[in-house]
Amino acid sequence: MTKRVSRSELLGSGTAFPDRLMRDFEAATMLGRSRAQFREQVRLGQLPRPIKDGKLSLWRQSELMEVIERLAAQRDGISSH
């Protein structure tokens, strides 16, 4: 079983930051996808739904990091459930 590491542990002592909100092009880049691939995976429910601010769609960086961790666990043969 793997130990879950908190953001503060990753960043060092006493460092805290708010959950960054990212636009679709930033989120897609973070996950190594095109904007169209990213949007399609969101539509299919494979990626988190955005937070809406008027017409603007924003994704929480922490939720995208969870996706990366889940993919890494699948790669390594570790069950996430």
C-alpha atoms as a PDB file:
ATOM      1  CA  MET A   1       0.000   0.000   0.000  1.00  0.00           C
ATOM      2  CA  THR A   2       1.302   3.439  -0.892  1.00  0.00           C
ATOM      3  CA  LYS A   3       1.304   6.404   1.461  1.00  0.00           C
ATOM      4  CA  ARG A   4      -0.667   9.410   0.300  1.00  0.00           C
ATOM      5  CA  VAL A   5       1.492  12.543   0.408  1.00  0.00           C
ATOM      6  CA  SER A   6      -0.082  15.899   1.174  1.00  0.00           C
ATOM      7  CA  ARG A   7       0.683  19.049  -0.789  1.00  0.00           C
ATOM      8  CA  SER A   8       2.365  20.621   2.230  1.00  0.00           C
ATOM      9  CA  GLU A   9       4.686  17.611   2.503  1.00  0.00           C
ATOM     10  CA  LEU A  10       5.577  17.962  -1.172  1.00  0.00           C
ATOM     11  CA  LEU A  11       6.225  21.684  -0.892  1.00  0.00           C
ATOM     12  CA  GLY A  12       8.108  21.718   2.387  1.00  0.00           C
ATOM     13  CA  SER A  13       7.406  23.009   5.842  1.00  0.00           C
ATOM     14  CA  GLY A  14       4.822  25.701   6.341  1.00  0.00           C
ATOM     15  CA  THR A  15       4.135  26.243   2.663  1.00  0.00           C
ATOM     16  CA  ALA A  16       0.472  26.325   1.820  1.00  0.00           C
ATOM     17  CA  PHE A  17      -1.195  27.482  -1.340  1.00  0.00           C
ATOM     18  CA  PRO A  18      -4.779  27.679  -2.510  1.00  0.00           C
ATOM     19  CA  ASP A  19      -6.079  25.161  -5.003  1.00  0.00           C
ATOM     20  CA  ARG A  20      -5.179  26.751  -8.337  1.00  0.00           C
ATOM     21  CA  LEU A  21      -7.879  27.001 -10.985  1.00  0.00           C
ATOM     22  CA  MET A  22      -6.794  26.237 -14.525  1.00  0.00           C
ATOM     23  CA  ARG A  23      -8.290  27.004 -17.950  1.00  0.00           C
ATOM     24  CA  ASP A  24      -8.804  24.151 -20.401  1.00  0.00           C
ATOM     25  CA  PHE A  25      -5.609  24.737 -22.374  1.00  0.00           C
ATOM     26  CA  GLU A  26      -3.526  24.685 -19.159  1.00  0.00           C
ATOM     27  CA  ALA A  27      -5.266  21.558 -17.887  1.00  0.00           C
ATOM     28  CA  ALA A  28      -4.870  19.814 -21.246  1.00  0.00           C
ATOM     29  CA  THR A  29      -1.161  20.650 -21.331  1.00  0.00           C
ATOM     30  CA  MET A  30      -0.719  19.421 -17.775  1.00  0.00           C
ATOM     31  CA  LEU A  31      -2.205  16.054 -18.800  1.00  0.00           C
ATOM     32  CA  GLY A  32      -0.360  15.861 -22.127  1.00  0.00           C
ATOM     33  CA  ARG A  33      -3.492  16.101 -24.257  1.00  0.00           C
ATOM     34  CA  SER A  34      -4.763  18.416 -26.937  1.00  0.00           C
ATOM     35  CA  ARG A  35      -7.527  20.785 -25.940  1.00  0.00           C
ATOM     36  CA  ALA A  36      -9.997  18.742 -28.045  1.00  0.00           C
ATOM     37  CA  GLN A  37      -8.940  15.447 -26.415  1.00  0.00           C
ATOM     38  CA  PHE A  38      -9.221  17.025 -22.978  1.00  0.00           C
ATOM     39  CA  ARG A  39     -12.720  18.383 -23.653  1.00  0.00           C
ATOM     40  CA  GLU A  40     -13.864  15.017 -25.051  1.00  0.00           C
ATOM     41  CA  GLN A  41     -12.618  13.158 -21.969  1.00  0.00           C
ATOM     42  CA  VAL A  42     -14.436  15.663 -19.746  1.00  0.00           C
ATOM     43  CA  ARG A  43     -17.619  15.160 -21.800  1.00  0.00           C
ATOM     44  CA  LEU A  44     -17.292  11.370 -21.440  1.00  0.00           C
ATOM     45  CA  GLY A  45     -16.806  11.649 -17.659  1.00  0.00           C
ATOM     46  CA  GLN A  46     -13.212  10.392 -17.800  1.00  0.00           C
ATOM     47  CA  LEU A  47     -11.912  13.677 -16.387  1.00  0.00           C
ATOM     48  CA  PRO A  48     -13.397  15.995 -13.734  1.00  0.00           C
ATOM     49  CA  ARG A  49     -16.119  18.443 -14.691  1.00  0.00           C
ATOM     50  CA  PRO A  50     -15.191  22.119 -14.596  1.00  0.00           C
ATOM     51  CA  ILE A  51     -16.216  24.798 -12.158  1.00  0.00           C
ATOM     52  CA  LYS A  52     -18.192  27.407 -14.064  1.00  0.00           C
ATOM     53  CA  ASP A  53     -17.602  31.131 -13.548  1.00  0.00           C
ATOM     54  CA  GLY A  54     -19.986  32.744 -15.975  1.00  0.00           C
ATOM     55  CA  LYS A  55     -18.876  31.513 -19.395  1.00  0.00           C
ATOM     56  CA  LEU A  56     -15.458  30.518 -18.071  1.00  0.00           C
ATOM     57  CA  SER A  57     -14.737  26.836 -17.337  1.00  0.00           C
ATOM     58  CA  LEU A  58     -12.056  26.186 -14.722  1.00  0.00           C
ATOM     59  CA  TRP A  59     -10.533  22.992 -13.350  1.00  0.00           C
ATOM     60  CA  ARG A  60      -9.000  22.495  -9.917  1.00  0.00           C
ATOM     61  CA  GLN A  61      -5.337  21.618 -10.158  1.00  0.00           C
ATOM     62  CA  SER A  62      -5.725  19.205  -7.241  1.00  0.00           C
ATOM     63  CA  GLU A  63      -8.380  17.202  -9.108  1.00  0.00           C
ATOM     64  CA  LEU A  64      -6.127  16.962 -12.156  1.00  0.00           C
ATOM     65  CA  MET A  65      -3.253  15.834  -9.939  1.00  0.00           C
ATOM     66  CA  GLU A  66      -5.540  13.078  -8.619  1.00  0.00           C
ATOM     67  CA  VAL A  67      -6.086  11.957 -12.225  1.00  0.00           C
ATOM     68  CA  ILE A  68      -2.311  11.791 -12.747  1.00  0.00           C
ATOM     69  CA  GLU A  69      -1.880   9.810  -9.519  1.00  0.00           C
ATOM     70  CA  ARG A  70      -4.652   7.399 -10.551  1.00  0.00           C
ATOM     71  CA  LEU A  71      -3.041   6.853 -13.960  1.00  0.00           C
ATOM     72  CA  ALA A  72       0.338   6.260 -12.333  1.00  0.00           C
ATOM     73  CA  ALA A  73      -1.217   3.758  -9.916  1.00  0.00           C
ATOM     74  CA  GLN A  74      -2.846   1.926 -12.841  1.00  0.00           C
ATOM     75  CA  ARG A  75       0.479   1.863 -14.633  1.00  0.00           C
ATOM     76  CA  ASP A  76       2.158   0.443 -11.541  1.00  0.00           C
ATOM     77  CA  GLY A  77      -0.603  -2.127 -11.000  1.00  0.00           C
ATOM     78  CA  ILE A  78      -1.857  -0.540  -7.779  1.00  0.00           C
ATOM     79  CA  SER A  79      -5.610  -0.502  -7.209  1.00  0.00           C
ATOM     80  CA  SER A  80      -6.993   2.959  -6.439  1.00  0.00           C
ATOM     81  CA  HIS A  81     -10.214   1.598  -4.863  1.00  0.00           C
END
